[in-house]
């Protein structure tokens, strides 16, 4: 069976508690600090295609990309967004 290497937390079985943290983090960010839904989705689309994404984690910086992408002023360690 071919294991997915480019998954996000919401797609990984048994990680619901971790993805709940993503959702909670999103709720806690103020509107001025939070990336728009369009920006967030665009960032995740870029991350999904990146070879440095492994099981929701950026191999370059160690972050969960779904959390990093939430913050308006966050940047990609590879400068892709």
PDB file of N, CA and C in Angstrom:
ATOM      1  N   UNK A   1       0.842  -1.175   0.000  1.00  0.00           N
ATOM      2  CA  UNK A   1       0.000   0.000   0.000  1.00  0.00           C
ATOM      3  C   UNK A   1       0.889   1.241   0.000  1.00  0.00           C
ATOM      4  N   UNK A   2       0.536   2.214  -0.794  1.00  0.00           N
ATOM      5  CA  UNK A   2       1.302   3.437  -0.931  1.00  0.00           C
ATOM      6  C   UNK A   2       0.882   4.433   0.152  1.00  0.00           C
ATOM      7  N   UNK A   3       1.796   4.782   1.027  1.00  0.00           N
ATOM      8  CA  UNK A   3       1.482   5.714   2.113  1.00  0.00           C
ATOM      9  C   UNK A   3       1.595   7.159   1.625  1.00  0.00           C
ATOM     10  N   UNK A   4       0.611   7.959   1.930  1.00  0.00           N
ATOM     11  CA  UNK A   4       0.614   9.374   1.560  1.00  0.00           C
ATOM     12  C   UNK A   4       1.723  10.083   2.323  1.00  0.00           C
ATOM     13  N   UNK A   5       2.559  10.823   1.610  1.00  0.00           N
ATOM     14  CA  UNK A   5       3.634  11.575   2.251  1.00  0.00           C
ATOM     15  C   UNK A   5       3.296  13.041   2.394  1.00  0.00           C
ATOM     16  N   UNK A   6       2.238  13.497   1.748  1.00  0.00           N
ATOM     17  CA  UNK A   6       1.892  14.915   1.752  1.00  0.00           C
ATOM     18  C   UNK A   6       0.508  15.130   2.344  1.00  0.00           C
ATOM     19  N   UNK A   7       0.340  14.710   3.557  1.00  0.00           N
ATOM     20  CA  UNK A   7      -0.970  14.815   4.205  1.00  0.00           C
ATOM     21  C   UNK A   7      -1.001  16.002   5.152  1.00  0.00           C
ATOM     22  N   UNK A   8      -2.213  16.473   5.407  1.00  0.00           N
ATOM     23  CA  UNK A   8      -2.435  17.473   6.434  1.00  0.00           C
ATOM     24  C   UNK A   8      -3.051  16.792   7.638  1.00  0.00           C
ATOM     25  N   UNK A   9      -3.018  17.463   8.772  1.00  0.00           N
ATOM     26  CA  UNK A   9      -3.491  16.862  10.011  1.00  0.00           C
ATOM     27  C   UNK A   9      -4.921  16.354   9.908  1.00  0.00           C
ATOM     28  N   UNK A  10      -5.783  17.112   9.229  1.00  0.00           N
ATOM     29  CA  UNK A  10      -7.173  16.692   9.145  1.00  0.00           C
ATOM     30  C   UNK A  10      -7.349  15.439   8.300  1.00  0.00           C
ATOM     31  N   UNK A  11      -6.311  15.040   7.568  1.00  0.00           N
ATOM     32  CA  UNK A  11      -6.383  13.848   6.725  1.00  0.00           C
ATOM     33  C   UNK A  11      -5.728  12.622   7.369  1.00  0.00           C
ATOM     34  N   UNK A  12      -5.022  12.812   8.459  1.00  0.00           N
ATOM     35  CA  UNK A  12      -4.295  11.710   9.079  1.00  0.00           C
ATOM     36  C   UNK A  12      -5.155  11.080  10.167  1.00  0.00           C
ATOM     37  N   UNK A  13      -5.433   9.800  10.029  1.00  0.00           N
ATOM     38  CA  UNK A  13      -6.267   9.092  11.012  1.00  0.00           C
ATOM     39  C   UNK A  13      -5.598   9.121  12.381  1.00  0.00           C
ATOM     40  N   UNK A  14      -6.396   9.337  13.405  1.00  0.00           N
ATOM     41  CA  UNK A  14      -5.899   9.339  14.765  1.00  0.00           C
ATOM     42  C   UNK A  14      -5.275  10.650  15.208  1.00  0.00           C
ATOM     43  N   UNK A  15      -5.310  11.662  14.361  1.00  0.00           N
ATOM     44  CA  UNK A  15      -4.703  12.946  14.710  1.00  0.00           C
ATOM     45  C   UNK A  15      -5.761  14.011  14.984  1.00  0.00           C
ATOM     46  N   UNK A  16      -6.993  13.599  15.222  1.00  0.00           N
ATOM     47  CA  UNK A  16      -8.078  14.556  15.424  1.00  0.00           C
ATOM     48  C   UNK A  16      -7.780  15.534  16.548  1.00  0.00           C
ATOM     49  N   UNK A  17      -7.136  15.048  17.610  1.00  0.00           N
ATOM     50  CA  UNK A  17      -6.826  15.927  18.726  1.00  0.00           C
ATOM     51  C   UNK A  17      -5.829  17.007  18.320  1.00  0.00           C
ATOM     52  N   UNK A  18      -4.892  16.687  17.452  1.00  0.00           N
ATOM     53  CA  UNK A  18      -3.918  17.660  16.977  1.00  0.00           C
ATOM     54  C   UNK A  18      -4.602  18.653  16.043  1.00  0.00           C
ATOM     55  N   UNK A  19      -5.461  18.170  15.155  1.00  0.00           N
ATOM     56  CA  UNK A  19      -6.164  19.075  14.248  1.00  0.00           C
ATOM     57  C   UNK A  19      -7.105  19.987  15.023  1.00  0.00           C
ATOM     58  N   UNK A  20      -7.651  19.508  16.124  1.00  0.00           N
ATOM     59  CA  UNK A  20      -8.488  20.353  16.974  1.00  0.00           C
ATOM     60  C   UNK A  20      -7.667  21.550  17.476  1.00  0.00           C
ATOM     61  N   UNK A  21      -6.380  21.332  17.701  1.00  0.00           N
ATOM     62  CA  UNK A  21      -5.500  22.423  18.113  1.00  0.00           C
ATOM     63  C   UNK A  21      -5.373  23.466  16.997  1.00  0.00           C
ATOM     64  N   UNK A  22      -5.313  23.009  15.749  1.00  0.00           N
ATOM     65  CA  UNK A  22      -5.277  23.943  14.616  1.00  0.00           C
ATOM     66  C   UNK A  22      -6.535  24.810  14.626  1.00  0.00           C
ATOM     67  N   UNK A  23      -7.675  24.176  14.782  1.00  0.00           N
ATOM     68  CA  UNK A  23      -8.940  24.912  14.786  1.00  0.00           C
ATOM     69  C   UNK A  23      -9.003  25.883  15.955  1.00  0.00           C
ATOM     70  N   UNK A  24      -8.532  25.469  17.108  1.00  0.00           N
ATOM     71  CA  UNK A  24      -8.536  26.336  18.298  1.00  0.00           C
ATOM     72  C   UNK A  24      -7.589  27.523  18.097  1.00  0.00           C
ATOM     73  N   UNK A  25      -6.422  27.266  17.519  1.00  0.00           N
ATOM     74  CA  UNK A  25      -5.476  28.341  17.235  1.00  0.00           C
ATOM     75  C   UNK A  25      -6.104  29.358  16.294  1.00  0.00           C
ATOM     76  N   UNK A  26      -6.812  28.871  15.286  1.00  0.00           N
ATOM     77  CA  UNK A  26      -7.483  29.759  14.337  1.00  0.00           C
ATOM     78  C   UNK A  26      -8.510  30.644  15.042  1.00  0.00           C
ATOM     79  N   UNK A  27      -9.241  30.075  15.995  1.00  0.00           N
ATOM     80  CA  UNK A  27     -10.233  30.840  16.753  1.00  0.00           C
ATOM     81  C   UNK A  27      -9.589  31.902  17.630  1.00  0.00           C
ATOM     82  N   UNK A  28      -8.416  31.629  18.155  1.00  0.00           N
ATOM     83  CA  UNK A  28      -7.751  32.543  19.085  1.00  0.00           C
ATOM     84  C   UNK A  28      -7.058  33.719  18.410  1.00  0.00           C
ATOM     85  N   UNK A  29      -6.722  33.584  17.131  1.00  0.00           N
ATOM     86  CA  UNK A  29      -6.074  34.683  16.430  1.00  0.00           C
ATOM     87  C   UNK A  29      -7.053  35.831  16.207  1.00  0.00           C
ATOM     88  N   UNK A  30      -6.580  37.037  16.392  1.00  0.00           N
ATOM     89  CA  UNK A  30      -7.419  38.200  16.106  1.00  0.00           C
ATOM     90  C   UNK A  30      -7.550  38.359  14.594  1.00  0.00           C
ATOM     91  N   UNK A  31      -8.552  39.073  14.166  1.00  0.00           N
ATOM     92  CA  UNK A  31      -8.783  39.284  12.737  1.00  0.00           C
ATOM     93  C   UNK A  31      -7.569  39.944  12.075  1.00  0.00           C
ATOM     94  N   UNK A  32      -6.913  40.860  12.784  1.00  0.00           N
ATOM     95  CA  UNK A  32      -5.765  41.544  12.180  1.00  0.00           C
ATOM     96  C   UNK A  32      -4.533  40.638  12.092  1.00  0.00           C
ATOM     97  N   UNK A  33      -4.484  39.574  12.875  1.00  0.00           N
ATOM     98  CA  UNK A  33      -3.343  38.658  12.860  1.00  0.00           C
ATOM     99  C   UNK A  33      -3.573  37.422  11.991  1.00  0.00           C
ATOM    100  N   UNK A  34      -4.827  37.176  11.634  1.00  0.00           N
ATOM    101  CA  UNK A  34      -5.184  35.955  10.916  1.00  0.00           C
ATOM    102  C   UNK A  34      -5.143  36.159   9.406  1.00  0.00           C
ATOM    103  N   UNK A  35      -4.541  35.205   8.701  1.00  0.00           N
ATOM    104  CA  UNK A  35      -4.559  35.233   7.238  1.00  0.00           C
ATOM    105  C   UNK A  35      -5.993  34.997   6.764  1.00  0.00           C
ATOM    106  N   UNK A  36      -6.350  35.589   5.658  1.00  0.00           N
ATOM    107  CA  UNK A  36      -7.691  35.363   5.101  1.00  0.00           C
ATOM    108  C   UNK A  36      -7.818  33.896   4.681  1.00  0.00           C
ATOM    109  N   UNK A  37      -9.038  33.440   4.530  1.00  0.00           N
ATOM    110  CA  UNK A  37      -9.265  32.057   4.094  1.00  0.00           C
ATOM    111  C   UNK A  37      -8.611  31.805   2.741  1.00  0.00           C
ATOM    112  N   UNK A  38      -8.673  32.779   1.840  1.00  0.00           N
ATOM    113  CA  UNK A  38      -8.076  32.620   0.504  1.00  0.00           C
ATOM    114  C   UNK A  38      -6.555  32.474   0.597  1.00  0.00           C
ATOM    115  N   UNK A  39      -5.922  33.298   1.424  1.00  0.00           N
ATOM    116  CA  UNK A  39      -4.470  33.223   1.607  1.00  0.00           C
ATOM    117  C   UNK A  39      -4.097  31.901   2.257  1.00  0.00           C
ATOM    118  N   UNK A  40      -4.842  31.509   3.278  1.00  0.00           N
ATOM    119  CA  UNK A  40      -4.597  30.249   3.974  1.00  0.00           C
ATOM    120  C   UNK A  40      -4.680  29.073   2.995  1.00  0.00           C
ATOM    121  N   UNK A  41      -5.735  29.037   2.201  1.00  0.00           N
ATOM    122  CA  UNK A  41      -5.911  27.947   1.233  1.00  0.00           C
ATOM    123  C   UNK A  41      -4.801  27.939   0.187  1.00  0.00           C
ATOM    124  N   UNK A  42      -4.383  29.114  -0.258  1.00  0.00           N
ATOM    125  CA  UNK A  42      -3.301  29.208  -1.245  1.00  0.00           C
ATOM    126  C   UNK A  42      -1.993  28.690  -0.647  1.00  0.00           C
ATOM    127  N   UNK A  43      -1.715  29.068   0.579  1.00  0.00           N
ATOM    128  CA  UNK A  43      -0.502  28.605   1.255  1.00  0.00           C
ATOM    129  C   UNK A  43      -0.495  27.085   1.376  1.00  0.00           C
ATOM    130  N   UNK A  44      -1.614  26.523   1.796  1.00  0.00           N
ATOM    131  CA  UNK A  44      -1.670  25.068   1.947  1.00  0.00           C
ATOM    132  C   UNK A  44      -1.538  24.357   0.609  1.00  0.00           C
ATOM    133  N   UNK A  45      -2.057  24.950  -0.455  1.00  0.00           N
ATOM    134  CA  UNK A  45      -1.907  24.360  -1.795  1.00  0.00           C
ATOM    135  C   UNK A  45      -0.429  24.318  -2.182  1.00  0.00           C
ATOM    136  N   UNK A  46       0.302  25.369  -1.842  1.00  0.00           N
ATOM    137  CA  UNK A  46       1.736  25.407  -2.117  1.00  0.00           C
ATOM    138  C   UNK A  46       2.454  24.358  -1.273  1.00  0.00           C
ATOM    139  N   UNK A  47       2.108  24.273  -0.002  1.00  0.00           N
ATOM    140  CA  UNK A  47       2.734  23.295   0.889  1.00  0.00           C
ATOM    141  C   UNK A  47       2.451  21.863   0.429  1.00  0.00           C
ATOM    142  N   UNK A  48       1.246  21.616  -0.041  1.00  0.00           N
ATOM    143  CA  UNK A  48       0.865  20.271  -0.470  1.00  0.00           C
ATOM    144  C   UNK A  48       1.786  19.761  -1.581  1.00  0.00           C
ATOM    145  N   UNK A  49       2.276  20.657  -2.414  1.00  0.00           N
ATOM    146  CA  UNK A  49       3.138  20.275  -3.533  1.00  0.00           C
ATOM    147  C   UNK A  49       4.630  20.244  -3.163  1.00  0.00           C
ATOM    148  N   UNK A  50       4.959  20.655  -1.960  1.00  0.00           N
ATOM    149  CA  UNK A  50       6.354  20.777  -1.537  1.00  0.00           C
ATOM    150  C   UNK A  50       6.928  19.428  -1.105  1.00  0.00           C
ATOM    151  N   UNK A  51       8.151  19.147  -1.531  1.00  0.00           N
ATOM    152  CA  UNK A  51       8.828  17.918  -1.129  1.00  0.00           C
ATOM    153  C   UNK A  51       9.232  17.928   0.345  1.00  0.00           C
ATOM    154  N   UNK A  52       9.176  19.083   0.978  1.00  0.00           N
ATOM    155  CA  UNK A  52       9.550  19.188   2.392  1.00  0.00           C
ATOM    156  C   UNK A  52       8.365  18.984   3.331  1.00  0.00           C
ATOM    157  N   UNK A  53       7.209  18.599   2.798  1.00  0.00           N
ATOM    158  CA  UNK A  53       6.037  18.315   3.631  1.00  0.00           C
ATOM    159  C   UNK A  53       5.955  16.819   3.880  1.00  0.00           C
ATOM    160  N   UNK A  54       5.906  16.446   5.144  1.00  0.00           N
ATOM    161  CA  UNK A  54       5.772  15.038   5.511  1.00  0.00           C
ATOM    162  C   UNK A  54       4.824  14.940   6.691  1.00  0.00           C
ATOM    163  N   UNK A  55       3.687  14.316   6.471  1.00  0.00           N
ATOM    164  CA  UNK A  55       2.689  14.104   7.519  1.00  0.00           C
ATOM    165  C   UNK A  55       2.393  15.396   8.279  1.00  0.00           C
ATOM    166  N   UNK A  56       2.058  16.430   7.528  1.00  0.00           N
ATOM    167  CA  UNK A  56       1.618  17.722   8.052  1.00  0.00           C
ATOM    168  C   UNK A  56       2.735  18.574   8.636  1.00  0.00           C
ATOM    169  N   UNK A  57       3.964  18.093   8.593  1.00  0.00           N
ATOM    170  CA  UNK A  57       5.094  18.787   9.180  1.00  0.00           C
ATOM    171  C   UNK A  57       6.034  19.291   8.094  1.00  0.00           C
ATOM    172  N   UNK A  58       6.495  20.519   8.248  1.00  0.00           N
ATOM    173  CA  UNK A  58       7.506  21.066   7.356  1.00  0.00           C
ATOM    174  C   UNK A  58       8.861  20.520   7.799  1.00  0.00           C
ATOM    175  N   UNK A  59       9.537  19.828   6.910  1.00  0.00           N
ATOM    176  CA  UNK A  59      10.832  19.247   7.256  1.00  0.00           C
ATOM    177  C   UNK A  59      11.939  20.295   7.352  1.00  0.00           C
ATOM    178  N   UNK A  60      11.690  21.500   6.852  1.00  0.00           N
ATOM    179  CA  UNK A  60      12.693  22.564   6.927  1.00  0.00           C
ATOM    180  C   UNK A  60      12.694  23.269   8.273  1.00  0.00           C
ATOM    181  N   UNK A  61      11.517  23.447   8.870  1.00  0.00           N
ATOM    182  CA  UNK A  61      11.472  24.189  10.145  1.00  0.00           C
ATOM    183  C   UNK A  61      10.825  23.397  11.284  1.00  0.00           C
ATOM    184  N   UNK A  62      10.142  22.300  10.961  1.00  0.00           N
ATOM    185  CA  UNK A  62       9.541  21.462  11.991  1.00  0.00           C
ATOM    186  C   UNK A  62       8.139  21.857  12.413  1.00  0.00           C
ATOM    187  N   UNK A  63       7.574  22.883  11.781  1.00  0.00           N
ATOM    188  CA  UNK A  63       6.238  23.337  12.177  1.00  0.00           C
ATOM    189  C   UNK A  63       5.156  22.464  11.546  1.00  0.00           C
ATOM    190  N   UNK A  64       3.967  22.544  12.129  1.00  0.00           N
ATOM    191  CA  UNK A  64       2.780  22.031  11.461  1.00  0.00           C
ATOM    192  C   UNK A  64       2.359  23.127  10.494  1.00  0.00           C
ATOM    193  N   UNK A  65       2.352  22.823   9.204  1.00  0.00           N
ATOM    194  CA  UNK A  65       2.102  23.867   8.210  1.00  0.00           C
ATOM    195  C   UNK A  65       0.719  24.483   8.355  1.00  0.00           C
ATOM    196  N   UNK A  66      -0.252  23.722   8.826  1.00  0.00           N
ATOM    197  CA  UNK A  66      -1.604  24.263   8.981  1.00  0.00           C
ATOM    198  C   UNK A  66      -1.668  25.330  10.061  1.00  0.00           C
ATOM    199  N   UNK A  67      -0.764  25.275  11.014  1.00  0.00           N
ATOM    200  CA  UNK A  67      -0.717  26.310  12.050  1.00  0.00           C
ATOM    201  C   UNK A  67       0.089  27.506  11.552  1.00  0.00           C
ATOM    202  N   UNK A  68       1.231  27.261  10.938  1.00  0.00           N
ATOM    203  CA  UNK A  68       2.051  28.367  10.425  1.00  0.00           C
ATOM    204  C   UNK A  68       1.267  29.196   9.416  1.00  0.00           C
ATOM    205  N   UNK A  69       0.523  28.540   8.543  1.00  0.00           N
ATOM    206  CA  UNK A  69      -0.198  29.240   7.477  1.00  0.00           C
ATOM    207  C   UNK A  69      -1.331  30.118   7.996  1.00  0.00           C
ATOM    208  N   UNK A  70      -1.756  29.915   9.239  1.00  0.00           N
ATOM    209  CA  UNK A  70      -2.849  30.699   9.804  1.00  0.00           C
ATOM    210  C   UNK A  70      -2.499  32.167  10.025  1.00  0.00           C
ATOM    211  N   UNK A  71      -1.280  32.433  10.409  1.00  0.00           N
ATOM    212  CA  UNK A  71      -0.898  33.787  10.803  1.00  0.00           C
ATOM    213  C   UNK A  71      -0.546  34.640   9.590  1.00  0.00           C
ATOM    214  N   UNK A  72      -1.131  35.819   9.538  1.00  0.00           N
ATOM    215  CA  UNK A  72      -0.986  36.720   8.396  1.00  0.00           C
ATOM    216  C   UNK A  72       0.474  36.976   8.032  1.00  0.00           C
ATOM    217  N   UNK A  73       1.306  37.260   9.029  1.00  0.00           N
ATOM    218  CA  UNK A  73       2.690  37.638   8.736  1.00  0.00           C
ATOM    219  C   UNK A  73       3.681  36.468   8.741  1.00  0.00           C
ATOM    220  N   UNK A  74       3.177  35.246   8.786  1.00  0.00           N
ATOM    221  CA  UNK A  74       4.047  34.071   8.758  1.00  0.00           C
ATOM    222  C   UNK A  74       4.652  33.919   7.357  1.00  0.00           C
ATOM    223  N   UNK A  75       5.799  33.284   7.305  1.00  0.00           N
ATOM    224  CA  UNK A  75       6.454  33.037   6.019  1.00  0.00           C
ATOM    225  C   UNK A  75       6.898  31.580   5.924  1.00  0.00           C
ATOM    226  N   UNK A  76       7.075  31.138   4.716  1.00  0.00           N
ATOM    227  CA  UNK A  76       7.583  29.796   4.439  1.00  0.00           C
ATOM    228  C   UNK A  76       9.106  29.825   4.597  1.00  0.00           C
ATOM    229  N   UNK A  77       9.695  28.823   5.237  1.00  0.00           N
ATOM    230  CA  UNK A  77      11.152  28.821   5.383  1.00  0.00           C
ATOM    231  C   UNK A  77      11.881  28.704   4.042  1.00  0.00           C
ATOM    232  N   UNK A  78      11.177  28.235   3.027  1.00  0.00           N
ATOM    233  CA  UNK A  78      11.765  28.141   1.689  1.00  0.00           C
ATOM    234  C   UNK A  78      11.376  29.334   0.815  1.00  0.00           C
ATOM    235  N   UNK A  79      10.694  30.293   1.410  1.00  0.00           N
ATOM    236  CA  UNK A  79      10.265  31.523   0.734  1.00  0.00           C
ATOM    237  C   UNK A  79       9.322  31.258  -0.452  1.00  0.00           C
ATOM    238  N   UNK A  80       8.506  30.219  -0.331  1.00  0.00           N
ATOM    239  CA  UNK A  80       7.542  29.901  -1.388  1.00  0.00           C
ATOM    240  C   UNK A  80       6.241  30.673  -1.209  1.00  0.00           C
ATOM    241  N   UNK A  81       6.010  31.173  -0.019  1.00  0.00           N
ATOM    242  CA  UNK A  81       4.870  32.073   0.248  1.00  0.00           C
ATOM    243  C   UNK A  81       5.227  32.998   1.376  1.00  0.00           C
TER     244      UNK A  81
END
